[in-house]
Amino acid sequence: MDIIVLKPEATDTDIEHIIGKLKKKGLEAHVSRGTERTIIGVIGDTSRVSEDEENAIRAIEAVESVMRIIKPYKLASREFKKETTVINIRGNRIGSERIHVIAGPCAVESRKVVLEVAERVKSAGATFLRGGAFKPRTSPYSFQGLGEEGLKILAEARELTGLPVVTELMDPRDIDLVLQYADVIQIGARNMQNFRLLLEVGEADKPVLLKRGLSATIKEWLMAAEYIMSKGNHQVILCERGIRTFETATRNTLDLSAVPLLKQLTHLPVVVDPSHGVGKWDLVIPMARAAVAAGADGLLVEVHPNPEEALSDGEQSLKPDAFRQMMEEIKPIAKAVGRSV
């Protein structure tokens, strides 16, 4: 018993009655109100529910049907919620008809760079600003970010441009600080299976951009999303950013087949990060075009005014003029697949 589908005439009293019965069994419930039906997702070890107890739920007058979900990711599955989730962030609806573009420098290096990039990407059509105040780096000697100073710079850029801020959280101990400044919390590829961190952001009332791990399968990725959702936060955006394969010509292998596949498996919105996917600036625009054609709900693109002097990921960063070119090139593709930019 994983999903309880209610009849159209079910009342709030009926819902509370059913939730009460579930809680007596040590289970939690998530109520999803669709356009035609209300569904109660049962959270917890449902194997403890006997056949007789399941039939007792079926006997409730307000219940239309009771179903089991075979997939281990229950709350993230299309079986749980058929309608695509749309996440509203300061008026920007990710998962809707419009394709949203999240752009900015890899790392918050200085106030000058961030403010310049924010203004340039906003004028080109970006709807979100990205930037890392805390940076996970392979080498402990590389630039690690400016911390709270970087968060304050991002907040200033938001005030200047109106662009909501997407920034990475690496450590559960920093969550309260990041929540003060971020509009979207990014969980990076290296932390996709940091389960303590996932549970922490699951208790926050803030959208989460969950990047695919370096070698994660689709199932593992969706199970990471399930960790977040199991704590009550259903504002999860999946981000394909390339996976590690035998190929060394590009930084990673950008798995664009994941986009239409995820559209079948989950109701969560999906964005693509072509910058990390290829690691070379001159391949970013072609892969951004391909991502839009594949059905992505958004793009995550690194932009820097002077990539050769960037403190991280300069090789994969577009200059502002190239970013504007990208925005122009994806517009007709978006239109061809029934979307807009």
C-alpha atoms as a PDB file:
ATOM      1  CA  MET A   1       0.000   0.000   0.000  1.00  0.00           C
ATOM      2  CA  ASP A   2       1.923   2.998  -1.296  1.00  0.00           C
ATOM      3  CA  ILE A   3      -0.733   5.196  -2.922  1.00  0.00           C
ATOM      4  CA  ILE A   4      -4.305   5.846  -1.827  1.00  0.00           C
ATOM      5  CA  VAL A   5      -6.424   7.432  -4.547  1.00  0.00           C
ATOM      6  CA  LEU A   6      -9.458   9.308  -3.232  1.00  0.00           C
ATOM      7  CA  LYS A   7     -12.792   9.870  -4.908  1.00  0.00           C
ATOM      8  CA  PRO A   8     -13.452  13.375  -6.297  1.00  0.00           C
ATOM      9  CA  GLU A   9     -15.955  14.109  -3.526  1.00  0.00           C
ATOM     10  CA  ALA A  10     -13.524  13.257  -0.692  1.00  0.00           C
ATOM     11  CA  THR A  11     -13.449  15.914   2.027  1.00  0.00           C
ATOM     12  CA  ASP A  12     -10.679  17.234   4.268  1.00  0.00           C
ATOM     13  CA  THR A  13     -12.272  15.256   7.096  1.00  0.00           C
ATOM     14  CA  ASP A  14     -11.944  12.067   5.047  1.00  0.00           C
ATOM     15  CA  ILE A  15      -8.278  12.835   4.400  1.00  0.00           C
ATOM     16  CA  GLU A  16      -7.541  13.458   8.076  1.00  0.00           C
ATOM     17  CA  HIS A  17      -9.312  10.215   8.972  1.00  0.00           C
ATOM     18  CA  ILE A  18      -7.110   8.214   6.606  1.00  0.00           C
ATOM     19  CA  ILE A  19      -3.919   9.970   7.730  1.00  0.00           C
ATOM     20  CA  GLY A  20      -4.831   9.154  11.332  1.00  0.00           C
ATOM     21  CA  LYS A  21      -5.084   5.464  10.490  1.00  0.00           C
ATOM     22  CA  LEU A  22      -1.711   5.540   8.758  1.00  0.00           C
ATOM     23  CA  LYS A  23      -0.030   7.253  11.695  1.00  0.00           C
ATOM     24  CA  LYS A  24      -1.286   4.525  14.023  1.00  0.00           C
ATOM     25  CA  LYS A  25       0.762   2.127  11.903  1.00  0.00           C
ATOM     26  CA  GLY A  26       3.859   4.345  12.226  1.00  0.00           C
ATOM     27  CA  LEU A  27       3.496   5.650   8.681  1.00  0.00           C
ATOM     28  CA  GLU A  28       3.523   9.206   7.347  1.00  0.00           C
ATOM     29  CA  ALA A  29       1.459  10.652   4.515  1.00  0.00           C
ATOM     30  CA  HIS A  30       1.930  13.200   1.754  1.00  0.00           C
ATOM     31  CA  VAL A  31      -1.228  14.643   0.201  1.00  0.00           C
ATOM     32  CA  SER A  32      -1.077  15.565  -3.483  1.00  0.00           C
ATOM     33  CA  ARG A  33      -4.094  17.415  -4.852  1.00  0.00           C
ATOM     34  CA  GLY A  34      -4.362  17.029  -8.637  1.00  0.00           C
ATOM     35  CA  THR A  35      -6.838  18.562 -11.037  1.00  0.00           C
ATOM     36  CA  GLU A  36      -9.131  15.525 -10.876  1.00  0.00           C
ATOM     37  CA  ARG A  37      -8.048  13.412  -7.923  1.00  0.00           C
ATOM     38  CA  THR A  38      -6.426  13.730  -4.524  1.00  0.00           C
ATOM     39  CA  ILE A  39      -3.725  11.162  -3.830  1.00  0.00           C
ATOM     40  CA  ILE A  40      -2.218  10.225  -0.484  1.00  0.00           C
ATOM     41  CA  GLY A  41       1.338   8.936  -0.718  1.00  0.00           C
ATOM     42  CA  VAL A  42       2.207   6.559   2.113  1.00  0.00           C
ATOM     43  CA  ILE A  43       5.713   7.116   3.467  1.00  0.00           C
ATOM     44  CA  GLY A  44       7.530   4.482   5.477  1.00  0.00           C
ATOM     45  CA  ASP A  45       7.843   0.695   5.565  1.00  0.00           C
ATOM     46  CA  THR A  46       4.540  -0.275   3.969  1.00  0.00           C
ATOM     47  CA  SER A  47       5.498  -3.969   4.038  1.00  0.00           C
ATOM     48  CA  ARG A  48       4.294  -3.954   7.644  1.00  0.00           C
ATOM     49  CA  VAL A  49       0.723  -3.292   6.481  1.00  0.00           C
ATOM     50  CA  SER A  50      -1.169  -6.577   6.360  1.00  0.00           C
ATOM     51  CA  GLU A  51      -3.628  -7.505   3.629  1.00  0.00           C
ATOM     52  CA  ASP A  52      -6.508  -7.116   6.069  1.00  0.00           C
ATOM     53  CA  GLU A  53      -5.348  -3.641   7.089  1.00  0.00           C
ATOM     54  CA  GLU A  54      -4.994  -2.657   3.431  1.00  0.00           C
ATOM     55  CA  ASN A  55      -8.522  -3.914   2.723  1.00  0.00           C
ATOM     56  CA  ALA A  56      -9.775  -1.857   5.676  1.00  0.00           C
ATOM     57  CA  ILE A  57      -8.418   1.264   3.957  1.00  0.00           C
ATOM     58  CA  ARG A  58     -10.127   0.211   0.727  1.00  0.00           C
ATOM     59  CA  ALA A  59     -13.406  -0.055   2.615  1.00  0.00           C
ATOM     60  CA  ILE A  60     -13.388   3.645   3.529  1.00  0.00           C
ATOM     61  CA  GLU A  61     -16.118   5.311   1.485  1.00  0.00           C
ATOM     62  CA  ALA A  62     -13.894   8.167   0.268  1.00  0.00           C
ATOM     63  CA  VAL A  63     -11.248   5.786  -1.129  1.00  0.00           C
ATOM     64  CA  GLU A  64     -11.348   4.957  -4.828  1.00  0.00           C
ATOM     65  CA  SER A  65      -8.346   2.631  -4.980  1.00  0.00           C
ATOM     66  CA  VAL A  66      -5.195   1.511  -3.169  1.00  0.00           C
ATOM     67  CA  MET A  67      -2.043   0.706  -5.138  1.00  0.00           C
ATOM     68  CA  ARG A  68       1.456  -0.569  -4.633  1.00  0.00           C
ATOM     69  CA  ILE A  69       4.408   1.120  -6.348  1.00  0.00           C
ATOM     70  CA  ILE A  70       7.038  -1.333  -7.502  1.00  0.00           C
ATOM     71  CA  LYS A  71       9.707   1.322  -8.029  1.00  0.00           C
ATOM     72  CA  PRO A  72      11.785   2.125  -4.925  1.00  0.00           C
ATOM     73  CA  TYR A  73      11.434   5.861  -5.571  1.00  0.00           C
ATOM     74  CA  LYS A  74       7.795   6.329  -4.655  1.00  0.00           C
ATOM     75  CA  LEU A  75       7.251  10.058  -4.154  1.00  0.00           C
ATOM     76  CA  ALA A  76       9.344  10.942  -7.203  1.00  0.00           C
ATOM     77  CA  SER A  77       7.539   8.512  -9.514  1.00  0.00           C
ATOM     78  CA  ARG A  78       4.951   9.256 -12.189  1.00  0.00           C
ATOM     79  CA  GLU A  79       2.760   6.649 -10.519  1.00  0.00           C
ATOM     80  CA  PHE A  80       2.516   8.851  -7.452  1.00  0.00           C
ATOM     81  CA  LYS A  81       1.885  12.043  -9.397  1.00  0.00           C
ATOM     82  CA  LYS A  82       0.931  12.031 -13.074  1.00  0.00           C
ATOM     83  CA  GLU A  83       1.028  15.823 -13.540  1.00  0.00           C
ATOM     84  CA  THR A  84       4.463  17.364 -14.007  1.00  0.00           C
ATOM     85  CA  THR A  85       5.560  19.286 -10.934  1.00  0.00           C
ATOM     86  CA  VAL A  86       5.939  23.022 -11.503  1.00  0.00           C
ATOM     87  CA  ILE A  87       8.133  24.841  -8.983  1.00  0.00           C
ATOM     88  CA  ASN A  88       7.445  28.557  -8.559  1.00  0.00           C
ATOM     89  CA  ILE A  89      10.543  30.535  -7.569  1.00  0.00           C
ATOM     90  CA  ARG A  90       9.928  34.283  -7.326  1.00  0.00           C
ATOM     91  CA  GLY A  91       7.422  34.034 -10.166  1.00  0.00           C
ATOM     92  CA  ASN A  92       9.609  31.799 -12.355  1.00  0.00           C
ATOM     93  CA  ARG A  93       7.794  28.496 -12.964  1.00  0.00           C
ATOM     94  CA  ILE A  94      10.302  25.697 -13.582  1.00  0.00           C
ATOM     95  CA  GLY A  95       8.588  22.751 -15.241  1.00  0.00           C
ATOM     96  CA  SER A  96       6.134  24.930 -17.155  1.00  0.00           C
ATOM     97  CA  GLU A  97       6.034  25.797 -20.861  1.00  0.00           C
ATOM     98  CA  ARG A  98       8.931  28.254 -20.515  1.00  0.00           C
ATOM     99  CA  ILE A  99      12.511  26.973 -20.504  1.00  0.00           C
ATOM    100  CA  HIS A 100      14.469  28.753 -17.771  1.00  0.00           C
ATOM    101  CA  VAL A 101      18.173  29.511 -18.059  1.00  0.00           C
ATOM    102  CA  ILE A 102      20.382  29.639 -14.958  1.00  0.00           C
ATOM    103  CA  ALA A 103      23.636  31.449 -15.712  1.00  0.00           C
ATOM    104  CA  GLY A 104      26.635  32.903 -13.946  1.00  0.00           C
ATOM    105  CA  PRO A 105      30.254  32.271 -12.972  1.00  0.00           C
ATOM    106  CA  CYS A 106      31.291  28.901 -11.577  1.00  0.00           C
ATOM    107  CA  ALA A 107      32.575  30.562  -8.409  1.00  0.00           C
ATOM    108  CA  VAL A 108      31.916  33.889  -6.737  1.00  0.00           C
ATOM    109  CA  GLU A 109      35.371  35.378  -7.160  1.00  0.00           C
ATOM    110  CA  SER A 110      34.690  39.083  -6.685  1.00  0.00           C
ATOM    111  CA  ARG A 111      31.869  41.598  -6.484  1.00  0.00           C
ATOM    112  CA  LYS A 112      32.906  43.148  -9.806  1.00  0.00           C
ATOM    113  CA  VAL A 113      32.734  39.887 -11.773  1.00  0.00           C
ATOM    114  CA  VAL A 114      29.421  38.735 -10.286  1.00  0.00           C
ATOM    115  CA  LEU A 115      27.626  42.050 -10.775  1.00  0.00           C
ATOM    116  CA  GLU A 116      28.889  42.387 -14.333  1.00  0.00           C
ATOM    117  CA  VAL A 117      27.876  38.839 -15.262  1.00  0.00           C
ATOM    118  CA  ALA A 118      24.488  39.192 -13.555  1.00  0.00           C
ATOM    119  CA  GLU A 119      23.631  42.282 -15.589  1.00  0.00           C
ATOM    120  CA  ARG A 120      24.871  40.769 -18.858  1.00  0.00           C
ATOM    121  CA  VAL A 121      23.045  37.438 -18.541  1.00  0.00           C
ATOM    122  CA  LYS A 122      19.865  39.176 -17.393  1.00  0.00           C
ATOM    123  CA  SER A 123      19.896  41.404 -20.483  1.00  0.00           C
ATOM    124  CA  ALA A 124      20.394  38.322 -22.673  1.00  0.00           C
ATOM    125  CA  GLY A 125      17.364  36.551 -21.195  1.00  0.00           C
ATOM    126  CA  ALA A 126      18.605  34.469 -18.243  1.00  0.00           C
ATOM    127  CA  THR A 127      16.053  34.017 -15.466  1.00  0.00           C
ATOM    128  CA  PHE A 128      18.331  32.839 -12.627  1.00  0.00           C
ATOM    129  CA  LEU A 129      21.844  33.680 -11.409  1.00  0.00           C
ATOM    130  CA  ARG A 130      24.220  30.892 -10.408  1.00  0.00           C
ATOM    131  CA  GLY A 131      27.466  31.146  -8.476  1.00  0.00           C
ATOM    132  CA  GLY A 132      29.343  29.092  -5.904  1.00  0.00           C
ATOM    133  CA  ALA A 133      30.168  30.696  -2.578  1.00  0.00           C
ATOM    134  CA  PHE A 134      31.355  27.300  -1.311  1.00  0.00           C
ATOM    135  CA  LYS A 135      33.258  25.321  -3.947  1.00  0.00           C
ATOM    136  CA  PRO A 136      33.954  21.555  -3.884  1.00  0.00           C
ATOM    137  CA  ARG A 137      37.358  21.209  -5.577  1.00  0.00           C
ATOM    138  CA  THR A 138      39.315  18.079  -6.416  1.00  0.00           C
ATOM    139  CA  SER A 139      42.494  19.659  -5.040  1.00  0.00           C
ATOM    140  CA  PRO A 140      42.558  21.044  -1.479  1.00  0.00           C
ATOM    141  CA  TYR A 141      44.876  23.778  -2.782  1.00  0.00           C
ATOM    142  CA  SER A 142      42.402  25.151  -5.340  1.00  0.00           C
ATOM    143  CA  PHE A 143      40.151  28.145  -4.724  1.00  0.00           C
ATOM    144  CA  GLN A 144      37.396  27.037  -2.307  1.00  0.00           C
ATOM    145  CA  GLY A 145      35.075  30.028  -2.510  1.00  0.00           C
ATOM    146  CA  LEU A 146      34.441  33.155  -0.447  1.00  0.00           C
ATOM    147  CA  GLY A 147      31.872  31.689   1.940  1.00  0.00           C
ATOM    148  CA  GLU A 148      29.434  34.177   3.481  1.00  0.00           C
ATOM    149  CA  GLU A 149      31.083  37.084   1.677  1.00  0.00           C
ATOM    150  CA  GLY A 150      30.250  35.348  -1.588  1.00  0.00           C
ATOM    151  CA  LEU A 151      26.648  34.818  -0.498  1.00  0.00           C
ATOM    152  CA  LYS A 152      26.306  38.515   0.253  1.00  0.00           C
ATOM    153  CA  ILE A 153      27.617  39.372  -3.229  1.00  0.00           C
ATOM    154  CA  LEU A 154      25.027  37.048  -4.795  1.00  0.00           C
ATOM    155  CA  ALA A 155      22.288  38.682  -2.740  1.00  0.00           C
ATOM    156  CA  GLU A 156      23.440  42.109  -3.929  1.00  0.00           C
ATOM    157  CA  ALA A 157      23.337  40.908  -7.540  1.00  0.00           C
ATOM    158  CA  ARG A 158      19.785  39.656  -6.972  1.00  0.00           C
ATOM    159  CA  GLU A 159      18.742  43.075  -5.676  1.00  0.00           C
ATOM    160  CA  LEU A 160      20.339  44.729  -8.689  1.00  0.00           C
ATOM    161  CA  THR A 161      18.878  42.445 -11.380  1.00  0.00           C
ATOM    162  CA  GLY A 162      15.915  40.646  -9.806  1.00  0.00           C
ATOM    163  CA  LEU A 163      17.441  37.271 -10.715  1.00  0.00           C
ATOM    164  CA  PRO A 164      16.839  34.547  -8.091  1.00  0.00           C
ATOM    165  CA  VAL A 165      20.055  32.981  -6.765  1.00  0.00           C
ATOM    166  CA  VAL A 166      21.147  29.348  -7.148  1.00  0.00           C
ATOM    167  CA  THR A 167      24.135  28.395  -5.003  1.00  0.00           C
ATOM    168  CA  GLU A 168      25.678  25.205  -3.684  1.00  0.00           C
ATOM    169  CA  LEU A 169      25.452  23.761  -0.177  1.00  0.00           C
ATOM    170  CA  MET A 170      28.251  21.352   0.738  1.00  0.00           C
ATOM    171  CA  ASP A 171      28.013  20.962   4.497  1.00  0.00           C
ATOM    172  CA  PRO A 172      24.913  20.507   6.708  1.00  0.00           C
ATOM    173  CA  ARG A 173      26.534  22.897   9.193  1.00  0.00           C
ATOM    174  CA  ASP A 174      26.186  25.716   6.639  1.00  0.00           C
ATOM    175  CA  ILE A 175      22.519  25.185   5.825  1.00  0.00           C
ATOM    176  CA  ASP A 176      21.129  28.005   7.988  1.00  0.00           C
ATOM    177  CA  LEU A 177      23.622  30.446   6.463  1.00  0.00           C
ATOM    178  CA  VAL A 178      22.878  29.410   2.881  1.00  0.00           C
ATOM    179  CA  LEU A 179      19.107  29.502   3.496  1.00  0.00           C
ATOM    180  CA  GLN A 180      19.412  33.190   4.388  1.00  0.00           C
ATOM    181  CA  TYR A 181      20.693  34.069   0.903  1.00  0.00           C
ATOM    182  CA  ALA A 182      19.752  31.354  -1.607  1.00  0.00           C
ATOM    183  CA  ASP A 183      16.523  31.011  -3.573  1.00  0.00           C
ATOM    184  CA  VAL A 184      17.539  27.530  -4.744  1.00  0.00           C
ATOM    185  CA  ILE A 185      19.949  25.200  -2.941  1.00  0.00           C
ATOM    186  CA  GLN A 186      22.227  23.272  -5.271  1.00  0.00           C
ATOM    187  CA  ILE A 187      23.456  19.818  -4.252  1.00  0.00           C
ATOM    188  CA  GLY A 188      26.533  19.118  -6.344  1.00  0.00           C
ATOM    189  CA  ALA A 189      27.448  15.893  -8.107  1.00  0.00           C
ATOM    190  CA  ARG A 190      29.956  14.902  -5.421  1.00  0.00           C
ATOM    191  CA  ASN A 191      27.273  15.215  -2.748  1.00  0.00           C
ATOM    192  CA  MET A 192      24.420  13.469  -4.553  1.00  0.00           C
ATOM    193  CA  GLN A 193      24.690  10.544  -2.127  1.00  0.00           C
ATOM    194  CA  ASN A 194      25.583  12.560   0.957  1.00  0.00           C
ATOM    195  CA  PHE A 195      22.452  11.275   2.646  1.00  0.00           C
ATOM    196  CA  ARG A 196      22.779  13.393   5.786  1.00  0.00           C
ATOM    197  CA  LEU A 197      22.914  16.497   3.592  1.00  0.00           C
ATOM    198  CA  LEU A 198      19.918  15.333   1.540  1.00  0.00           C
ATOM    199  CA  LEU A 199      17.851  14.803   4.677  1.00  0.00           C
ATOM    200  CA  GLU A 200      18.786  18.264   5.954  1.00  0.00           C
ATOM    201  CA  VAL A 201      17.642  20.034   2.779  1.00  0.00           C
ATOM    202  CA  GLY A 202      14.568  17.812   2.820  1.00  0.00           C
ATOM    203  CA  GLU A 203      13.485  19.596   5.990  1.00  0.00           C
ATOM    204  CA  ALA A 204      14.024  23.046   4.451  1.00  0.00           C
ATOM    205  CA  ASP A 205      11.284  24.989   2.696  1.00  0.00           C
ATOM    206  CA  LYS A 206      13.493  25.821  -0.258  1.00  0.00           C
ATOM    207  CA  PRO A 207      13.753  24.407  -3.812  1.00  0.00           C
ATOM    208  CA  VAL A 208      16.668  22.012  -4.345  1.00  0.00           C
ATOM    209  CA  LEU A 209      18.657  21.575  -7.566  1.00  0.00           C
ATOM    210  CA  LEU A 210      19.968  18.002  -7.359  1.00  0.00           C
ATOM    211  CA  LYS A 211      22.867  17.259  -9.701  1.00  0.00           C
ATOM    212  CA  ARG A 212      23.486  13.737 -10.953  1.00  0.00           C
ATOM    213  CA  GLY A 213      26.491  12.032  -9.389  1.00  0.00           C
ATOM    214  CA  LEU A 214      29.652  11.392 -11.402  1.00  0.00           C
ATOM    215  CA  SER A 215      28.830   7.716 -11.916  1.00  0.00           C
ATOM    216  CA  ALA A 216      25.239   7.550 -10.713  1.00  0.00           C
ATOM    217  CA  THR A 217      22.562   5.507 -12.436  1.00  0.00           C
ATOM    218  CA  ILE A 218      19.136   7.017 -13.069  1.00  0.00           C
ATOM    219  CA  LYS A 219      17.739   4.882 -10.253  1.00  0.00           C
ATOM    220  CA  GLU A 220      20.398   6.044  -7.779  1.00  0.00           C
ATOM    221  CA  TRP A 221      19.750   9.654  -8.772  1.00  0.00           C
ATOM    222  CA  LEU A 222      16.006   9.324  -8.231  1.00  0.00           C
ATOM    223  CA  MET A 223      16.599   7.590  -4.902  1.00  0.00           C
ATOM    224  CA  ALA A 224      18.659  10.630  -3.856  1.00  0.00           C
ATOM    225  CA  ALA A 225      15.668  12.798  -4.757  1.00  0.00           C
ATOM    226  CA  GLU A 226      13.507  10.446  -2.702  1.00  0.00           C
ATOM    227  CA  TYR A 227      15.680  11.137   0.359  1.00  0.00           C
ATOM    228  CA  ILE A 228      14.871  14.841   0.048  1.00  0.00           C
ATOM    229  CA  MET A 229      11.176  14.276  -0.640  1.00  0.00           C
ATOM    230  CA  SER A 230      10.785  11.781   2.210  1.00  0.00           C
ATOM    231  CA  LYS A 231      11.356  14.665   4.638  1.00  0.00           C
ATOM    232  CA  GLY A 232       8.565  16.731   3.100  1.00  0.00           C
ATOM    233  CA  ASN A 233      10.394  18.915   0.579  1.00  0.00           C
ATOM    234  CA  HIS A 234       8.947  18.085  -2.854  1.00  0.00           C
ATOM    235  CA  GLN A 235      10.541  21.093  -4.605  1.00  0.00           C
ATOM    236  CA  VAL A 236      13.271  19.061  -6.309  1.00  0.00           C
ATOM    237  CA  ILE A 237      14.794  19.917  -9.694  1.00  0.00           C
ATOM    238  CA  LEU A 238      16.960  17.244 -11.315  1.00  0.00           C
ATOM    239  CA  CYS A 239      20.108  18.387 -13.139  1.00  0.00           C
ATOM    240  CA  GLU A 240      21.907  16.213 -15.704  1.00  0.00           C
ATOM    241  CA  ARG A 241      25.549  17.367 -15.771  1.00  0.00           C
ATOM    242  CA  GLY A 242      27.367  14.527 -17.463  1.00  0.00           C
ATOM    243  CA  ILE A 243      28.660  11.236 -16.123  1.00  0.00           C
ATOM    244  CA  ARG A 244      32.100   9.655 -16.032  1.00  0.00           C
ATOM    245  CA  THR A 245      32.717   7.140 -18.819  1.00  0.00           C
ATOM    246  CA  PHE A 246      35.739   5.745 -20.678  1.00  0.00           C
ATOM    247  CA  GLU A 247      35.701   8.814 -22.985  1.00  0.00           C
ATOM    248  CA  THR A 248      38.374  11.427 -22.274  1.00  0.00           C
ATOM    249  CA  ALA A 249      37.839  13.848 -25.182  1.00  0.00           C
ATOM    250  CA  THR A 250      35.306  15.769 -23.090  1.00  0.00           C
ATOM    251  CA  ARG A 251      35.227  16.425 -19.375  1.00  0.00           C
ATOM    252  CA  ASN A 252      32.224  14.114 -18.928  1.00  0.00           C
ATOM    253  CA  THR A 253      29.716  12.350 -21.161  1.00  0.00           C
ATOM    254  CA  LEU A 254      26.526  14.409 -21.263  1.00  0.00           C
ATOM    255  CA  ASP A 255      23.696  11.872 -21.078  1.00  0.00           C
ATOM    256  CA  LEU A 256      20.891  13.658 -22.908  1.00  0.00           C
ATOM    257  CA  SER A 257      18.914  10.417 -23.175  1.00  0.00           C
ATOM    258  CA  ALA A 258      18.321  10.869 -19.442  1.00  0.00           C
ATOM    259  CA  VAL A 259      16.026  13.828 -20.149  1.00  0.00           C
ATOM    260  CA  PRO A 260      13.209  12.046 -22.032  1.00  0.00           C
ATOM    261  CA  LEU A 261      13.672   8.970 -19.853  1.00  0.00           C
ATOM    262  CA  LEU A 262      13.202  11.013 -16.676  1.00  0.00           C
ATOM    263  CA  LYS A 263      10.108  12.595 -18.201  1.00  0.00           C
ATOM    264  CA  GLN A 264       8.639   9.083 -18.317  1.00  0.00           C
ATOM    265  CA  LEU A 265       9.776   8.000 -14.857  1.00  0.00           C
ATOM    266  CA  THR A 266       9.265  11.102 -12.714  1.00  0.00           C
ATOM    267  CA  HIS A 267       7.098  14.199 -12.403  1.00  0.00           C
ATOM    268  CA  LEU A 268      10.053  16.333 -11.295  1.00  0.00           C
ATOM    269  CA  PRO A 269      11.439  19.045 -13.631  1.00  0.00           C
ATOM    270  CA  VAL A 270      14.744  18.332 -15.380  1.00  0.00           C
ATOM    271  CA  VAL A 271      17.465  20.823 -16.331  1.00  0.00           C
ATOM    272  CA  VAL A 272      20.747  20.220 -18.156  1.00  0.00           C
ATOM    273  CA  ASP A 273      24.221  21.600 -17.403  1.00  0.00           C
ATOM    274  CA  PRO A 274      26.131  21.494 -20.707  1.00  0.00           C
ATOM    275  CA  SER A 275      29.099  23.366 -19.210  1.00  0.00           C
ATOM    276  CA  HIS A 276      30.126  20.536 -16.869  1.00  0.00           C
ATOM    277  CA  GLY A 277      28.849  17.979 -19.356  1.00  0.00           C
ATOM    278  CA  VAL A 278      31.505  18.797 -21.955  1.00  0.00           C
ATOM    279  CA  GLY A 279      34.071  20.982 -20.174  1.00  0.00           C
ATOM    280  CA  LYS A 280      34.864  22.972 -23.327  1.00  0.00           C
ATOM    281  CA  TRP A 281      33.260  26.345 -24.018  1.00  0.00           C
ATOM    282  CA  ASP A 282      32.962  25.791 -27.775  1.00  0.00           C
ATOM    283  CA  LEU A 283      30.839  22.680 -27.241  1.00  0.00           C
ATOM    284  CA  VAL A 284      28.457  24.295 -24.744  1.00  0.00           C
ATOM    285  CA  ILE A 285      26.177  25.993 -27.285  1.00  0.00           C
ATOM    286  CA  PRO A 286      25.649  22.885 -29.460  1.00  0.00           C
ATOM    287  CA  MET A 287      24.820  20.795 -26.391  1.00  0.00           C
ATOM    288  CA  ALA A 288      22.514  23.506 -25.035  1.00  0.00           C
ATOM    289  CA  ARG A 289      20.617  23.353 -28.325  1.00  0.00           C
ATOM    290  CA  ALA A 290      20.439  19.572 -28.070  1.00  0.00           C
ATOM    291  CA  ALA A 291      19.222  19.721 -24.462  1.00  0.00           C
ATOM    292  CA  VAL A 292      16.330  21.987 -25.423  1.00  0.00           C
ATOM    293  CA  ALA A 293      15.425  19.659 -28.295  1.00  0.00           C
ATOM    294  CA  ALA A 294      15.496  16.683 -25.888  1.00  0.00           C
ATOM    295  CA  GLY A 295      12.876  18.325 -23.663  1.00  0.00           C
ATOM    296  CA  ALA A 296      14.865  19.936 -20.837  1.00  0.00           C
ATOM    297  CA  ASP A 297      12.958  22.352 -18.601  1.00  0.00           C
ATOM    298  CA  GLY A 298      16.032  24.530 -18.202  1.00  0.00           C
ATOM    299  CA  LEU A 299      19.758  25.019 -18.717  1.00  0.00           C
ATOM    300  CA  LEU A 300      22.571  25.672 -16.245  1.00  0.00           C
ATOM    301  CA  VAL A 301      25.390  27.551 -17.976  1.00  0.00           C
ATOM    302  CA  GLU A 302      28.659  29.015 -16.721  1.00  0.00           C
ATOM    303  CA  VAL A 303      29.443  32.561 -17.879  1.00  0.00           C
ATOM    304  CA  HIS A 304      32.542  34.641 -17.140  1.00  0.00           C
ATOM    305  CA  PRO A 305      33.705  37.973 -18.652  1.00  0.00           C
ATOM    306  CA  ASN A 306      37.324  36.827 -18.802  1.00  0.00           C
ATOM    307  CA  PRO A 307      37.502  32.995 -18.673  1.00  0.00           C
ATOM    308  CA  GLU A 308      41.297  32.845 -18.921  1.00  0.00           C
ATOM    309  CA  GLU A 309      41.469  34.590 -15.532  1.00  0.00           C
ATOM    310  CA  ALA A 310      38.629  32.618 -13.875  1.00  0.00           C
ATOM    311  CA  LEU A 311      39.567  30.951 -10.597  1.00  0.00           C
ATOM    312  CA  SER A 312      37.629  27.804 -11.555  1.00  0.00           C
ATOM    313  CA  ASP A 313      36.245  26.206 -14.728  1.00  0.00           C
ATOM    314  CA  GLY A 314      37.369  28.945 -17.101  1.00  0.00           C
ATOM    315  CA  GLU A 315      37.774  26.456 -19.963  1.00  0.00           C
ATOM    316  CA  GLN A 316      34.049  25.673 -19.989  1.00  0.00           C
ATOM    317  CA  SER A 317      32.726  29.215 -19.376  1.00  0.00           C
ATOM    318  CA  LEU A 318      31.027  31.233 -22.100  1.00  0.00           C
ATOM    319  CA  LYS A 319      31.819  34.904 -22.475  1.00  0.00           C
ATOM    320  CA  PRO A 320      28.714  37.120 -22.184  1.00  0.00           C
ATOM    321  CA  ASP A 321      28.508  37.677 -25.967  1.00  0.00           C
ATOM    322  CA  ALA A 322      28.632  33.930 -26.598  1.00  0.00           C
ATOM    323  CA  PHE A 323      25.940  33.434 -23.965  1.00  0.00           C
ATOM    324  CA  ARG A 324      23.717  35.923 -25.797  1.00  0.00           C
ATOM    325  CA  GLN A 325      24.345  33.975 -29.004  1.00  0.00           C
ATOM    326  CA  MET A 326      23.307  30.773 -27.236  1.00  0.00           C
ATOM    327  CA  MET A 327      20.069  32.372 -26.053  1.00  0.00           C
ATOM    328  CA  GLU A 328      19.229  33.406 -29.612  1.00  0.00           C
ATOM    329  CA  GLU A 329      20.040  29.978 -31.021  1.00  0.00           C
ATOM    330  CA  ILE A 330      17.861  28.021 -28.586  1.00  0.00           C
ATOM    331  CA  LYS A 331      14.758  30.155 -29.187  1.00  0.00           C
ATOM    332  CA  PRO A 332      13.692  28.579 -32.506  1.00  0.00           C
ATOM    333  CA  ILE A 333      14.418  25.098 -31.132  1.00  0.00           C
ATOM    334  CA  ALA A 334      12.259  25.784 -28.094  1.00  0.00           C
ATOM    335  CA  LYS A 335       9.467  26.972 -30.361  1.00  0.00           C
ATOM    336  CA  ALA A 336       9.762  23.826 -32.493  1.00  0.00           C
ATOM    337  CA  VAL A 337       9.142  21.619 -29.438  1.00  0.00           C
ATOM    338  CA  GLY A 338       6.270  23.743 -28.141  1.00  0.00           C
ATOM    339  CA  ARG A 339       8.235  25.727 -25.559  1.00  0.00           C
ATOM    340  CA  SER A 340       9.542  29.261 -25.124  1.00  0.00           C
ATOM    341  CA  VAL A 341      12.662  30.843 -23.651  1.00  0.00           C
END
